[in-house]
Protein backbone atom coordinates (compact mmCIF):
# COMPACT_ATOMS: atom_id res chain seq x y z
CA MET A 1 9.92 26.35 -9.38
CA ASN A 2 6.76 28.39 -9.04
CA GLU A 3 3.71 26.61 -7.60
CA LYS A 4 1.82 26.25 -10.86
CA HIS A 5 -0.46 23.47 -11.99
CA PHE A 6 0.09 21.35 -15.08
CA GLY A 7 -2.69 20.74 -17.58
CA ALA A 8 -6.10 22.42 -17.44
CA ARG A 9 -7.16 24.17 -14.24
CA LEU A 10 -10.72 25.47 -14.25
CA GLN A 11 -11.35 28.51 -12.06
CA GLU A 12 -14.58 29.43 -10.33
CA ASP A 13 -15.12 32.42 -12.64
CA GLY A 14 -15.22 30.20 -15.74
CA LYS A 15 -11.70 30.99 -16.85
CA CYS A 16 -9.37 28.06 -17.38
CA SER A 17 -5.58 28.05 -17.34
CA PHE A 18 -3.69 25.62 -19.56
CA ARG A 19 -0.03 24.78 -19.06
CA ILE A 20 2.25 22.22 -20.69
CA PHE A 21 5.97 21.50 -20.33
CA ALA A 22 7.43 21.28 -23.85
CA PRO A 23 10.96 22.77 -23.92
CA HIS A 24 11.69 21.16 -27.28
CA ALA A 25 8.73 22.83 -29.05
CA GLN A 26 9.05 26.21 -30.73
CA GLN A 27 5.30 26.72 -30.85
CA VAL A 28 2.43 25.17 -28.90
CA ARG A 29 -1.21 25.72 -29.84
CA ILE A 30 -4.39 24.64 -28.13
CA LYS A 31 -7.50 23.47 -29.96
CA THR A 32 -10.75 23.69 -28.02
CA GLN A 33 -13.86 21.78 -29.06
CA ASN A 34 -16.85 23.62 -27.60
CA ARG A 35 -19.23 26.30 -28.76
CA HIS A 36 -16.20 28.54 -29.21
CA ASN A 37 -14.17 26.13 -31.34
CA SER A 38 -10.81 27.73 -31.86
CA ILE A 39 -7.08 27.21 -32.17
CA GLN A 40 -4.93 29.62 -30.18
CA ASN A 41 -1.27 29.97 -29.37
CA LEU A 42 0.08 29.33 -25.90
CA THR A 43 2.58 31.85 -24.58
CA PRO A 44 6.12 30.53 -24.04
CA SER A 45 7.36 31.16 -20.51
CA GLN A 46 10.58 30.51 -18.67
CA TYR A 47 12.29 27.10 -18.77
CA GLY A 48 10.24 25.58 -21.59
CA PHE A 49 6.70 25.96 -20.28
CA HIS A 50 3.84 27.16 -22.48
CA GLU A 51 0.63 28.52 -20.98
CA THR A 52 -2.53 30.50 -21.57
CA THR A 53 -5.84 31.34 -19.91
CA LEU A 54 -9.12 31.01 -21.82
CA GLU A 55 -12.58 32.27 -20.94
CA LYS A 56 -15.99 30.57 -21.08
CA ILE A 57 -14.63 27.06 -20.57
CA LYS A 58 -17.04 24.55 -19.03
CA PRO A 59 -16.53 21.19 -17.31
CA GLY A 60 -16.41 18.48 -19.95
CA ASP A 61 -15.13 20.74 -22.74
CA LEU A 62 -12.63 18.96 -24.94
CA TYR A 63 -9.21 20.28 -25.90
CA SER A 64 -5.95 19.14 -27.42
CA TYR A 65 -2.47 20.51 -28.09
CA ILE A 66 -0.50 20.93 -31.29
CA LEU A 67 3.29 20.95 -30.91
CA ASP A 68 4.88 22.84 -33.80
CA ASP A 69 3.37 21.32 -36.95
CA GLY A 70 2.54 17.95 -35.45
CA PRO A 71 -0.85 16.26 -35.02
CA THR A 72 -3.31 17.10 -32.27
CA ILE A 73 -2.47 15.30 -29.04
CA PRO A 74 -4.13 14.96 -25.62
CA ASP A 75 -2.75 16.66 -22.54
CA PRO A 76 0.03 14.70 -20.74
CA ALA A 77 -1.48 16.09 -17.50
CA SER A 78 -5.04 15.26 -18.53
CA LEU A 79 -7.49 14.97 -15.65
CA TRP A 80 -10.00 12.96 -17.68
CA GLN A 81 -9.66 10.92 -20.85
CA PRO A 82 -13.01 10.02 -22.45
CA ALA A 83 -12.62 6.37 -23.35
CA GLU A 84 -13.88 6.72 -26.91
CA LEU A 85 -11.68 9.70 -27.79
CA LYS A 86 -7.95 9.25 -28.26
CA ASP A 87 -6.54 12.65 -29.27
CA VAL A 88 -8.35 15.00 -26.87
CA SER A 89 -8.65 15.58 -23.13
CA ALA A 90 -11.60 16.82 -21.09
CA VAL A 91 -11.70 19.73 -18.65
CA VAL A 92 -12.59 18.70 -15.08
CA ASP A 93 -14.13 20.94 -12.45
CA HIS A 94 -12.67 20.37 -8.99
CA HIS A 95 -14.49 23.27 -7.31
CA PHE A 96 -18.06 22.19 -6.82
CA PHE A 97 -18.03 18.63 -5.52
CA ASP A 98 -20.10 18.40 -2.33
CA TRP A 99 -17.58 17.62 0.42
CA ASP A 100 -20.09 18.64 3.09
CA GLY A 101 -19.58 16.68 6.31
CA ASP A 102 -16.06 15.50 5.44
CA ILE A 103 -13.90 16.87 8.24
CA PHE A 104 -11.52 13.91 8.25
CA SER A 105 -7.90 15.07 8.47
CA GLY A 106 -5.98 11.82 7.99
CA LEU A 107 -4.26 9.23 10.18
CA PRO A 108 -0.65 8.88 11.31
CA MET A 109 1.15 5.70 10.27
CA ASN A 110 1.21 4.28 13.80
CA GLU A 111 -2.61 4.20 13.88
CA MET A 112 -3.17 2.57 10.51
CA ILE A 113 -4.64 -0.85 9.80
CA ILE A 114 -4.46 -1.04 6.01
CA TYR A 115 -6.66 -2.96 3.58
CA GLU A 116 -5.40 -3.17 0.00
CA ALA A 117 -7.95 -3.50 -2.80
CA HIS A 118 -7.96 -3.58 -6.58
CA VAL A 119 -10.94 -1.58 -7.83
CA GLY A 120 -11.61 -3.75 -10.88
CA THR A 121 -11.83 -7.08 -9.04
CA PHE A 122 -13.00 -6.15 -5.54
CA SER A 123 -16.72 -5.83 -6.17
CA PRO A 124 -19.20 -7.16 -8.76
CA GLN A 125 -19.55 -3.61 -10.11
CA LYS A 126 -15.76 -3.40 -10.66
CA ASN A 127 -15.70 0.33 -9.94
CA PHE A 128 -15.51 2.98 -7.22
CA LEU A 129 -19.19 2.75 -6.40
CA GLY A 130 -18.84 -0.99 -5.87
CA LEU A 131 -16.21 -0.29 -3.24
CA ILE A 132 -18.57 2.10 -1.48
CA SER A 133 -21.11 -0.71 -1.18
CA LYS A 134 -18.58 -2.77 0.84
CA LEU A 135 -17.40 -0.08 3.28
CA ASP A 136 -19.65 -1.45 6.01
CA HIS A 137 -17.82 -4.78 5.73
CA LEU A 138 -14.45 -3.04 6.11
CA LYS A 139 -15.60 -0.99 9.07
CA LYS A 140 -16.97 -4.05 10.91
CA LEU A 141 -13.74 -5.88 10.13
CA GLY A 142 -11.75 -3.17 11.94
CA ILE A 143 -10.09 -1.44 8.98
CA ASN A 144 -9.25 2.26 9.20
CA THR A 145 -7.20 2.70 6.02
CA LEU A 146 -8.10 1.67 2.45
CA GLN A 147 -5.22 1.43 0.01
CA LEU A 148 -6.17 1.27 -3.65
CA MET A 149 -4.01 -0.29 -6.31
CA PRO A 150 -3.41 2.29 -9.07
CA VAL A 151 -6.47 4.21 -10.20
CA ALA A 152 -4.64 6.52 -12.61
CA SER A 153 -5.37 5.87 -16.29
CA PHE A 154 -3.35 2.91 -17.55
CA ALA A 155 -2.71 1.01 -20.76
CA GLY A 156 -5.59 -1.26 -21.74
CA THR A 157 -9.01 -1.31 -20.12
CA GLN A 158 -8.35 -3.90 -17.39
CA GLY A 159 -5.13 -4.49 -15.51
CA TRP A 160 -3.18 -4.03 -12.31
CA GLY A 161 -2.69 -0.37 -13.21
CA TYR A 162 1.08 0.07 -13.08
CA GLU A 163 1.36 0.71 -16.85
CA THR A 164 0.40 4.35 -16.28
CA THR A 165 -0.49 6.40 -19.34
CA TYR A 166 -2.03 9.52 -17.76
CA PRO A 167 -0.72 9.93 -14.18
CA TYR A 168 -3.27 12.68 -13.30
CA ALA A 169 -6.39 11.06 -14.74
CA VAL A 170 -8.83 8.59 -13.17
CA HIS A 171 -9.03 5.30 -15.08
CA GLN A 172 -12.17 5.47 -17.23
CA LEU A 173 -13.71 2.07 -16.38
CA TYR A 174 -13.44 2.66 -12.62
CA GLY A 175 -15.69 5.70 -12.78
CA LYS A 176 -15.58 9.44 -13.23
CA PRO A 177 -13.52 11.82 -11.09
CA ASP A 178 -16.53 12.58 -8.92
CA ASP A 179 -17.01 8.85 -8.28
CA LEU A 180 -13.54 8.64 -6.77
CA LYS A 181 -14.30 11.72 -4.69
CA GLU A 182 -17.50 10.11 -3.47
CA LEU A 183 -15.57 7.00 -2.45
CA VAL A 184 -13.05 9.10 -0.53
CA LYS A 185 -15.83 11.09 1.13
CA GLN A 186 -17.72 7.97 2.20
CA CYS A 187 -14.51 6.44 3.55
CA HIS A 188 -13.86 9.58 5.57
CA LEU A 189 -17.39 9.63 6.95
CA ASN A 190 -16.70 6.09 8.19
CA GLY A 191 -13.37 7.04 9.75
CA ILE A 192 -11.34 5.36 7.00
CA ALA A 193 -8.29 7.01 5.43
CA VAL A 194 -7.50 6.45 1.73
CA ILE A 195 -4.07 5.79 0.23
CA LEU A 196 -3.43 5.56 -3.51
CA ASP A 197 -0.79 3.34 -5.08
CA VAL A 198 1.03 5.42 -7.72
CA SER A 199 3.74 4.62 -10.24
CA PHE A 200 6.20 7.51 -10.49
CA GLY A 201 9.14 5.49 -11.82
CA SER A 202 7.68 4.48 -15.17
CA LEU A 203 5.36 5.79 -17.86
CA ILE A 204 3.71 4.15 -20.89
CA PRO A 205 2.81 6.94 -23.32
CA VAL A 206 0.09 6.26 -25.86
CA ALA A 207 1.45 6.38 -29.38
CA ASN A 208 0.39 9.89 -30.34
CA LEU A 209 1.76 11.33 -27.08
CA GLU A 210 5.35 10.23 -27.69
CA PRO A 211 6.42 13.68 -29.01
CA ALA A 212 5.17 15.39 -25.85
CA TYR A 213 7.38 13.20 -23.70
CA ALA A 214 10.69 14.03 -25.38
CA PRO A 215 12.25 15.38 -22.13
CA PHE A 216 10.60 12.81 -19.85
CA PHE A 217 12.80 9.79 -20.46
CA SER A 218 16.36 9.28 -19.25
CA LYS A 219 19.22 8.92 -21.69
CA LYS A 220 21.55 7.24 -19.17
CA TYR A 221 19.40 4.91 -17.07
CA ASN A 222 17.27 1.89 -17.88
CA ALA A 223 14.47 0.72 -15.59
CA ALA A 224 13.56 -2.92 -14.98
CA ASN A 225 10.33 -2.51 -16.95
CA GLY A 226 11.64 -0.30 -19.77
CA ARG A 227 12.74 3.31 -20.03
CA ALA A 228 13.62 5.11 -16.84
CA LEU A 229 12.25 8.59 -16.25
CA ASN A 230 14.46 11.65 -16.26
CA PHE A 231 14.87 12.95 -12.72
CA ASP A 232 18.43 14.33 -12.92
CA GLU A 233 19.34 15.15 -16.54
CA LYS A 234 18.61 18.05 -18.88
CA TYR A 235 15.07 19.39 -18.37
CA SER A 236 14.57 17.15 -15.32
CA TYR A 237 13.22 20.12 -13.33
CA GLY A 238 10.03 19.98 -15.41
CA VAL A 239 9.66 16.22 -15.05
CA ARG A 240 10.16 16.40 -11.28
CA ASP A 241 7.58 19.13 -10.89
CA PHE A 242 5.16 17.26 -13.18
CA TYR A 243 5.10 14.35 -10.72
CA ILE A 244 5.12 16.51 -7.60
CA GLN A 245 2.09 18.41 -8.88
CA CYS A 246 0.52 15.07 -9.77
CA ALA A 247 0.93 13.87 -6.18
CA LEU A 248 -0.48 17.15 -4.85
CA SER A 249 -3.44 16.87 -7.21
CA TRP A 250 -4.50 13.52 -5.72
CA LEU A 251 -4.12 14.91 -2.19
CA ARG A 252 -5.76 18.26 -2.87
CA ASP A 253 -8.47 17.59 -5.46
CA TYR A 254 -9.48 14.09 -4.32
CA ARG A 255 -8.60 14.52 -0.64
CA VAL A 256 -6.76 11.22 -0.43
CA ASP A 257 -4.67 10.84 2.71
CA GLY A 258 -1.47 9.39 1.34
CA LEU A 259 0.42 7.78 -1.51
CA ARG A 260 2.42 4.61 -1.87
CA ILE A 261 5.28 5.08 -4.35
CA LYS A 262 5.32 1.61 -5.86
CA ASP A 263 8.54 1.68 -7.85
CA ALA A 264 10.67 4.01 -5.73
CA ASP A 265 13.80 1.94 -6.39
CA GLN A 266 13.38 2.71 -10.12
CA ILE A 267 13.64 6.47 -9.52
CA PHE A 268 17.26 7.22 -10.44
CA ASP A 269 18.44 10.60 -9.23
CA GLN A 270 21.96 11.87 -8.54
CA THR A 271 21.02 15.48 -7.82
CA PRO A 272 21.85 17.00 -4.40
CA ILE A 273 18.17 16.77 -3.39
CA HIS A 274 16.69 13.44 -4.40
CA PHE A 275 13.28 13.57 -6.03
CA LEU A 276 11.73 11.62 -3.14
CA GLU A 277 13.08 14.13 -0.62
CA GLU A 278 11.70 17.02 -2.66
CA LEU A 279 8.36 15.21 -2.97
CA ALA A 280 8.17 14.52 0.76
CA THR A 281 9.06 18.13 1.60
CA ARG A 282 6.39 19.55 -0.70
CA ILE A 283 3.73 17.18 0.60
CA LYS A 284 4.56 17.96 4.23
CA GLU A 285 4.31 21.68 3.44
CA PHE A 286 0.93 21.10 1.82
CA ALA A 287 -0.32 19.01 4.75
CA SER A 288 0.83 21.64 7.23
CA ARG A 289 -1.00 24.40 5.37
CA LYS A 290 -4.19 22.33 5.22
CA ASN A 291 -3.89 21.01 8.79
CA ARG A 292 -3.97 17.45 7.50
CA THR A 293 -1.93 14.29 7.89
CA CYS A 294 -0.72 13.02 4.50
CA VAL A 295 1.59 10.01 4.43
CA LEU A 296 4.10 8.76 1.89
CA ILE A 297 4.96 5.06 1.82
CA ASN A 298 7.98 3.72 -0.01
CA GLY A 299 7.92 0.62 -2.20
CA ASP A 300 11.62 -0.33 -2.35
CA LYS A 301 13.14 -3.82 -2.35
CA ARG A 302 16.68 -2.87 -1.27
CA ASN A 303 16.18 -2.73 2.53
CA ALA A 304 17.43 0.83 2.36
CA LEU A 305 16.98 3.13 5.35
CA ARG A 306 17.51 6.41 3.54
CA PRO A 307 13.95 6.81 2.18
CA VAL A 308 12.43 6.88 5.68
CA LEU A 309 15.19 8.68 7.59
CA PRO A 310 14.63 12.41 8.18
CA PRO A 311 16.54 14.85 5.92
CA GLU A 312 18.73 15.95 8.82
CA GLN A 313 20.04 12.37 8.94
CA GLY A 314 20.60 12.25 5.19
CA GLY A 315 17.24 10.69 4.42
CA TYR A 316 14.29 11.58 2.21
CA GLY A 317 11.68 11.94 4.95
CA LEU A 318 9.08 9.41 3.78
CA ASP A 319 6.82 7.97 6.45
CA ALA A 320 7.11 4.20 6.03
CA LEU A 321 8.29 1.41 3.78
CA TYR A 322 6.95 -1.96 2.74
CA SER A 323 8.82 -4.86 4.34
CA GLU A 324 9.10 -7.36 1.54
CA ASP A 325 11.50 -9.23 3.83
CA PHE A 326 8.69 -9.90 6.31
CA TYR A 327 6.43 -11.18 3.54
CA CYS A 328 9.13 -13.38 1.98
CA ALA A 329 10.27 -14.88 5.29
CA LEU A 330 6.70 -15.60 6.36
CA HIS A 331 5.79 -16.98 2.95
CA SER A 332 8.81 -19.29 2.93
CA GLN A 333 8.05 -20.60 6.42
CA VAL A 334 4.37 -21.41 5.83
CA THR A 335 4.59 -22.68 2.24
CA GLY A 336 8.07 -24.24 2.20
CA ASN A 337 8.82 -22.36 -1.02
CA LYS A 338 12.59 -22.15 -1.61
CA GLU A 339 12.46 -21.21 -5.28
CA GLY A 340 14.00 -18.01 -6.69
CA HIS A 341 14.50 -15.26 -4.15
CA PHE A 342 12.61 -17.27 -1.51
CA LYS A 343 15.68 -19.46 -1.03
CA ASP A 344 17.13 -16.52 0.90
CA TYR A 345 14.42 -16.94 3.54
CA SER A 346 14.27 -20.68 4.22
CA ASP A 347 16.26 -20.38 7.48
CA PRO A 348 13.86 -19.73 10.40
CA GLU A 349 16.36 -17.16 11.66
CA ARG A 350 15.21 -14.91 8.80
CA MET A 351 11.68 -15.01 10.21
CA VAL A 352 13.02 -14.16 13.67
CA SER A 353 14.96 -11.21 12.25
CA ALA A 354 11.98 -9.97 10.22
CA MET A 355 9.75 -10.11 13.29
CA GLN A 356 12.34 -8.42 15.51
CA PHE A 357 13.76 -5.79 13.16
CA GLY A 358 11.38 -5.53 10.19
CA PHE A 359 14.25 -6.63 7.94
CA ALA A 360 15.28 -10.26 7.51
CA TYR A 361 18.55 -9.12 5.94
CA ARG A 362 20.59 -6.49 7.74
CA GLY A 363 23.83 -6.33 5.80
CA GLU A 364 24.29 -10.03 4.95
CA ILE A 365 24.98 -11.39 1.48
CA SER A 366 21.89 -12.56 -0.37
CA ASN A 367 22.34 -15.98 -1.96
CA HIS A 368 19.83 -15.06 -4.64
CA TYR A 369 20.98 -11.54 -5.52
CA LEU A 370 24.65 -12.24 -4.63
CA ARG A 371 25.05 -8.84 -3.03
CA LEU A 372 24.83 -7.23 0.37
CA GLN A 373 21.20 -6.77 1.30
CA GLY A 374 20.43 -3.95 3.72
CA ARG A 375 22.96 -2.73 6.25
CA SER A 376 24.11 -3.83 9.67
CA LYS A 377 22.32 -2.34 12.65
CA SER A 378 19.48 -1.26 10.38
CA GLU A 379 16.93 -0.45 13.03
CA LEU A 380 13.81 1.64 12.57
CA ARG A 381 10.74 2.24 14.67
CA GLY A 382 7.92 -0.23 14.17
CA CYS A 383 5.64 2.37 12.58
CA LYS A 384 8.17 2.73 9.76
CA PHE A 385 7.28 -0.73 8.40
CA VAL A 386 4.16 -1.97 6.63
CA VAL A 387 3.96 -5.77 6.83
CA TYR A 388 1.68 -8.22 5.07
CA SER A 389 1.23 -11.95 4.58
CA GLN A 390 -0.38 -11.76 1.15
CA GLY A 391 0.09 -9.30 -1.66
CA HIS A 392 -0.24 -8.81 -5.36
CA ASP A 393 3.42 -8.96 -6.34
CA GLU A 394 4.07 -11.80 -8.74
CA ASN A 395 7.14 -13.99 -9.46
CA ASP A 396 6.90 -16.35 -6.48
CA GLY A 397 6.77 -19.35 -8.80
CA TYR A 398 3.22 -20.35 -7.81
CA GLU A 399 0.39 -20.31 -10.31
CA SER A 400 -2.16 -18.94 -7.84
CA LYS A 401 0.18 -16.18 -6.73
CA CYS A 402 -0.80 -14.41 -3.53
CA ARG A 403 -3.31 -16.72 -1.83
CA ILE A 404 -1.66 -18.60 1.04
CA ILE A 405 -4.83 -20.57 1.71
CA GLU A 406 -4.41 -22.14 -1.74
CA LYS A 407 -0.68 -22.70 -1.35
CA ALA A 408 -0.50 -24.00 2.20
CA GLY A 409 -4.03 -24.49 3.53
CA PHE A 410 -6.49 -23.03 6.00
CA GLU A 411 -4.41 -23.41 9.17
CA ALA A 412 -1.35 -21.84 7.52
CA ALA A 413 -3.46 -18.90 6.36
CA LYS A 414 -4.64 -18.31 9.93
CA LEU A 415 -1.06 -18.58 11.20
CA SER A 416 0.03 -15.97 8.65
CA ALA A 417 -2.75 -13.65 9.77
CA GLY A 418 -1.62 -13.89 13.37
CA ALA A 419 2.02 -13.22 12.50
CA THR A 420 1.02 -10.08 10.61
CA LEU A 421 -1.73 -8.62 12.77
CA LEU A 422 0.05 -9.28 16.08
CA SER A 423 3.37 -7.92 14.83
CA PRO A 424 4.89 -4.67 16.16
CA TYR A 425 4.46 -3.10 12.72
CA VAL A 426 1.73 -1.49 10.63
CA PRO A 427 -0.34 -4.38 9.23
CA MET A 428 -1.83 -4.62 5.77
CA ILE A 429 -4.53 -7.07 4.65
CA PHE A 430 -4.94 -7.96 0.98
CA MET A 431 -8.53 -8.01 -0.21
CA GLY A 432 -10.40 -11.21 0.52
CA GLU A 433 -7.85 -12.83 2.80
CA GLU A 434 -10.04 -11.98 5.81
CA TYR A 435 -12.56 -14.65 4.78
CA GLY A 436 -10.17 -17.07 3.05
CA GLU A 437 -10.74 -15.98 -0.54
CA SER A 438 -9.44 -18.65 -2.91
CA ALA A 439 -9.62 -16.74 -6.20
CA PRO A 440 -6.07 -16.17 -7.49
CA PHE A 441 -4.72 -12.75 -8.19
CA LYS A 442 -2.57 -13.36 -11.23
CA TYR A 443 -1.04 -10.60 -13.28
CA PHE A 444 -3.39 -9.36 -15.98
CA ASN A 445 -3.48 -6.51 -18.46
CA ASN A 446 -5.51 -6.77 -21.63
CA SER A 447 -3.08 -4.50 -23.47
CA GLN A 448 -0.48 -7.27 -23.09
CA GLU A 449 -0.42 -10.99 -22.50
CA GLY A 450 -2.02 -11.79 -19.18
CA HIS A 451 -4.67 -13.77 -17.38
CA CYS A 452 -8.37 -13.13 -17.54
CA PRO A 453 -9.31 -10.59 -14.85
CA ASP A 454 -12.64 -12.31 -14.18
CA GLU A 455 -10.94 -15.27 -12.50
CA CYS A 456 -9.30 -12.81 -10.10
CA CYS A 457 -12.57 -11.27 -8.90
CA LEU A 458 -13.53 -11.83 -5.27
CA ASN A 459 -16.14 -14.50 -4.57
CA TRP A 460 -18.16 -12.74 -1.90
CA THR A 461 -20.35 -15.82 -1.44
CA ASP A 462 -17.35 -17.52 0.23
CA ILE A 463 -17.85 -15.27 3.23
CA LYS A 464 -21.00 -17.23 4.15
CA LYS A 465 -19.40 -20.67 3.98
CA ASP A 466 -18.17 -22.41 7.16
CA GLN A 467 -14.53 -21.71 6.37
CA GLY A 468 -15.26 -18.09 5.50
CA ILE A 469 -17.23 -17.56 8.71
CA ALA A 470 -14.43 -19.04 10.83
CA MET A 471 -11.69 -17.03 9.09
CA LEU A 472 -13.64 -13.79 9.32
CA ALA A 473 -14.25 -14.40 13.03
CA LEU A 474 -10.49 -14.80 13.53
CA TYR A 475 -9.65 -11.60 11.65
CA ARG A 476 -12.27 -9.59 13.52
CA LYS A 477 -10.97 -10.90 16.84
CA LEU A 478 -7.36 -10.13 15.93
CA LEU A 479 -8.19 -6.61 14.81
CA LYS A 480 -10.32 -5.99 17.89
CA ILE A 481 -7.39 -7.03 20.07
CA ARG A 482 -5.06 -4.88 18.01
CA GLN A 483 -7.28 -1.86 18.49
CA GLU A 484 -8.05 -2.34 22.17
CA HIS A 485 -5.00 -3.88 23.84
CA PRO A 486 -2.54 -1.04 24.53
CA THR A 487 0.62 -3.10 24.04
CA ILE A 488 -0.45 -4.85 20.83
CA HIS A 489 -1.90 -1.59 19.52
CA GLU A 490 1.54 0.03 19.59
CA PRO A 491 3.71 -0.62 16.50
CA CYS A 492 6.73 -0.52 18.82
CA ARG A 493 9.52 -2.85 17.72
CA SER A 494 11.92 -1.85 20.51
CA ARG A 495 9.50 -3.21 23.16
CA CYS A 496 9.35 -6.58 21.47
CA GLN A 497 11.53 -9.65 22.11
CA VAL A 498 11.54 -12.41 19.49
CA GLN A 499 13.24 -15.78 19.85
CA GLU A 500 13.07 -19.27 18.41
CA ILE A 501 12.47 -21.46 21.47
CA ALA A 502 12.39 -24.75 19.51
CA PRO A 503 12.94 -25.62 15.84
CA GLY A 504 10.20 -23.78 13.92
CA VAL A 505 8.61 -22.39 17.09
CA ILE A 506 8.87 -18.64 17.69
CA LEU A 507 7.83 -16.76 20.80
CA ILE A 508 7.19 -13.01 20.80
CA PHE A 509 7.02 -11.19 24.13
CA ARG A 510 5.78 -7.60 24.08
CA ASN A 511 5.73 -5.09 26.90
CA PRO A 512 4.20 -1.61 26.79
CA THR A 513 5.96 1.72 26.86
CA SER A 514 3.95 2.53 29.97
CA GLY A 515 4.68 0.81 33.27
CA ASP A 516 1.29 -0.87 33.71
CA LYS A 517 2.48 -4.44 32.93
CA LYS A 518 0.09 -4.93 30.02
CA TYR A 519 2.30 -7.73 28.72
CA ALA A 520 1.41 -9.92 25.75
CA ALA A 521 3.02 -13.09 24.44
CA THR A 522 2.37 -15.03 21.24
CA ILE A 523 3.73 -18.44 20.35
CA PHE A 524 3.86 -19.36 16.65
CA ASN A 525 4.32 -22.97 15.54
CA PHE A 526 5.52 -22.93 11.95
CA THR A 527 6.01 -26.71 11.88
CA LYS A 528 3.26 -29.06 10.72
CA ASP A 529 3.35 -31.10 13.93
CA GLU A 530 1.99 -30.40 17.37
CA THR A 531 4.66 -29.19 19.76
CA GLU A 532 4.81 -28.87 23.52
CA ASN A 533 6.90 -26.06 24.92
CA CYS A 534 7.49 -24.58 28.33
CA ILE A 535 7.17 -20.85 27.86
CA ALA A 536 7.18 -19.86 31.54
CA GLU A 537 10.94 -19.34 31.60
CA TYR A 538 10.65 -16.67 28.91
CA LEU A 539 7.87 -14.66 30.57
CA PRO A 540 7.49 -12.54 33.69
CA GLU A 541 6.04 -14.47 36.62
CA GLY A 542 2.33 -13.96 37.06
CA ILE A 543 -1.05 -14.98 35.72
CA TRP A 544 -1.21 -15.50 31.95
CA THR A 545 -4.61 -16.02 30.36
CA THR A 546 -5.29 -17.54 26.95
CA GLU A 547 -6.83 -14.85 24.76
CA LEU A 548 -6.88 -16.60 21.38
CA TYR A 549 -5.90 -19.95 19.88
CA SER A 550 -6.09 -20.19 16.10
CA ALA A 551 -6.53 -23.98 16.04
CA SER A 552 -9.58 -23.93 18.32
CA ARG A 553 -13.03 -24.88 17.10
CA SER A 554 -14.11 -21.25 17.37
CA TYR A 555 -11.92 -20.54 14.34
CA GLY A 556 -12.56 -23.68 12.33
CA GLY A 557 -9.82 -25.78 13.90
CA SER A 558 -9.98 -29.22 15.50
CA ALA A 559 -7.38 -29.00 18.27
CA ALA A 560 -8.15 -29.47 21.93
CA ALA A 561 -8.85 -26.20 23.70
CA LEU A 562 -6.06 -24.59 25.68
CA SER A 563 -6.47 -23.95 29.36
CA GLY A 564 -7.97 -20.55 30.13
CA ILE A 565 -4.96 -19.84 32.33
CA LEU A 566 -1.43 -20.93 31.54
CA PRO A 567 -0.70 -23.96 33.78
CA LYS A 568 1.72 -23.84 36.67
CA ASP A 569 4.52 -25.59 34.78
CA GLY A 570 4.14 -23.20 31.84
CA LYS A 571 3.81 -26.03 29.34
CA VAL A 572 1.53 -25.54 26.39
CA LYS A 573 0.71 -27.80 23.43
CA ILE A 574 0.28 -25.94 20.14
CA ALA A 575 -1.07 -27.62 17.02
CA GLY A 576 0.92 -27.57 13.83
CA GLN A 577 0.78 -24.32 11.83
CA SER A 578 -1.07 -22.43 14.55
CA PHE A 579 -0.53 -19.69 17.12
CA ALA A 580 -1.79 -18.74 20.56
CA LEU A 581 -1.94 -15.36 22.26
CA PHE A 582 -1.54 -14.98 26.01
CA LEU A 583 -2.14 -11.84 28.06
CA TYR A 584 -0.69 -10.98 31.45
CA SER A 585 -3.20 -10.32 34.19
CA GLU A 586 -2.78 -8.88 37.66
CA LEU A 587 -6.34 -9.80 38.62
CA MET A 588 -6.65 -11.71 41.87
CA VAL A 589 -8.21 -15.15 41.48
CA ARG A 590 -9.24 -17.70 44.08
CA SER A 591 -6.54 -20.19 45.03
CA GLU A 592 -8.99 -23.10 44.58
CA ASP A 593 -9.48 -22.06 40.94
CA ILE A 594 -5.84 -22.12 39.94
CA SER A 595 -2.40 -22.84 41.20
CA ILE A 596 -0.21 -19.83 40.69
CA ARG A 597 3.28 -20.78 39.73
C-alpha cells in the first residue's frame, strides 16, 4: 500500500487532500461548507479508494461525503467532530501548533514507570487542561510515563472510551486537538512520555455512518463485544491500512510516545503477516525515521508470547504486554476473592509464579476457562511485562471494582503497592491509588446503561488526610528507591529469585547484572497475622539494612519498628499484610554497634 493518509489532510499551501476507502461505492462526492460551498466528485483510484485535492480550505471548514445517492455522512477518518453537528466533519490543521522546546524523543519500556488516568474523571475540569494542572503532582511522585484511557471519539458524551466511533478524532468533551497537543508538550517538557489506550478490535459506527463501513466488519468472526473487524477477508487491505494510519496519526500529529492496543485478542487475522506485526513494523520504521522511541503494548488475556516475540522468532514485534495474571494473583491474595476467574489464582503458588515469570499460568489448565492457559517454559524478559495492582477492568464481582483499599483495607493496599513497584517488571499505577483514593471506578457510558461518572471522579482532598499523606509518602519512597537503586531499577526477571518461605509469606531476592553486590530482598506477608521468619538462610552473608517497612508509623501503620540492621539470627517479625525491603551493604561498621552474623 502507498503511504497515503485517510480523511482530510491540510497542507501548508492551503490545499487539502481528501481520501476515503469505499470499494462498494460507484461514486463518491464531497460537500464542503465554507465560503466556497460546493459538491464535487472524488476521483476513483486503485483498490476502492476515492480522493481529491481542493484549494482554499481553512482549519475548521466543514465537509461531508455522499456515497452514490445516499445521504451526507461525516468522514470515517474525521480528525474533529463538532459535538453539535452529526453529519459533517471539520478540517484540522496539524502544521502550526507551537511545539517549540519539545525535544523529547520517548522512553524505552525498561525505563518506564506508568501512571494510568481517565481524562474525564482525573481532574475537576474533566479534560486535557485539567490533567496539565496535575503534572507537578505526577513528577514529584516519580512518574515518567502517562497512559491515557481512550481519548478517541466514543459513543455518548461520558464513558470509558472503548466504544470508539471515530478512531482518528479527539473526544469532544476532553478538549480540542490542540489541547491534547498541549498536554503532550507539557508532559514532554517535564520528562514524561505519553501513551494512548486505543481500541483497534472494535468499532461502534454512528447510525448514518453504517454505509461507509460496509467493508470494515468481518463476515466470519464475532468479537466478544459485537462485530469483529475485517483484518483478513475481502477488502481487508483497506481496513488494515485505515488503522495503521490511525496509529501513525497519533504518533506523528500529536507526538504521543506509544500505544496500548486494548483488545488485541479480538483482532482475528489469518493472513501470512498478522495485522499486529504489520502495525509494529510500520511504527518502528516511523520511529527510526524520526529518531524517536515509540512503544506498542499488547492488551491480551491469553498469556501468549507471540505478540512480543521478534518477527524472526515468529512473533509480531510488540514491545510489552499487560500481565493480567500478576494482577489477578495479587488481587486474589490480598482480597481473598475466589469468584469467577479469580478462583484460578487462590493458590499462593500462582503469586510466586507471577512474581517469578510474569505469568501465573504457564501451560496449565485453567479451572475457570477449562483450557490450557499460556505455554510451558514461557519466559520473557522483565521489561516485556507491565504489572499493576489496580486497574479499570471490570467483572471481578466487587461493586467498587478496582480499589483495593475499599476491598481489603489500608495495609493490603500498601502491600499491593510494594509487590508491584518492587517487582522486576514495568510498574503501572492507576490514578489515585498513590494516596489511597476510595472513589470507585465502575463502568459507565451514558450511551448505554452504566453508573454515574461523577461518583468515579478523584477526590483530591483525600491527599491531605492522614491516610492520604501516609500512602503518598510510601509511594514516593518506593518510586525513589525504584529510580535510584540499580538492582531494583532494572526490570530484570532472570536476576530475581522468588520463593514461598512459609504459608502466605513470599521472599524475593534480587541481584544486579553488574558484579557490585547491590543485592535487595523483600519479604511479603500476605497473611493477616504477624509472622516471624528467619530469612538469613536465603540471603548472601553480610550486612543487611532495613530500607522500608510498610507497617511502620512512617507510613500510617502501628507495628513495632524493625531493627535498622537485620539481626544476627536473621529473624524478622512482619505484621500481617505488610512488606519489608532490605538492602545489602558492604559498609564497615563498628563491632560494638552490631554483631555480624
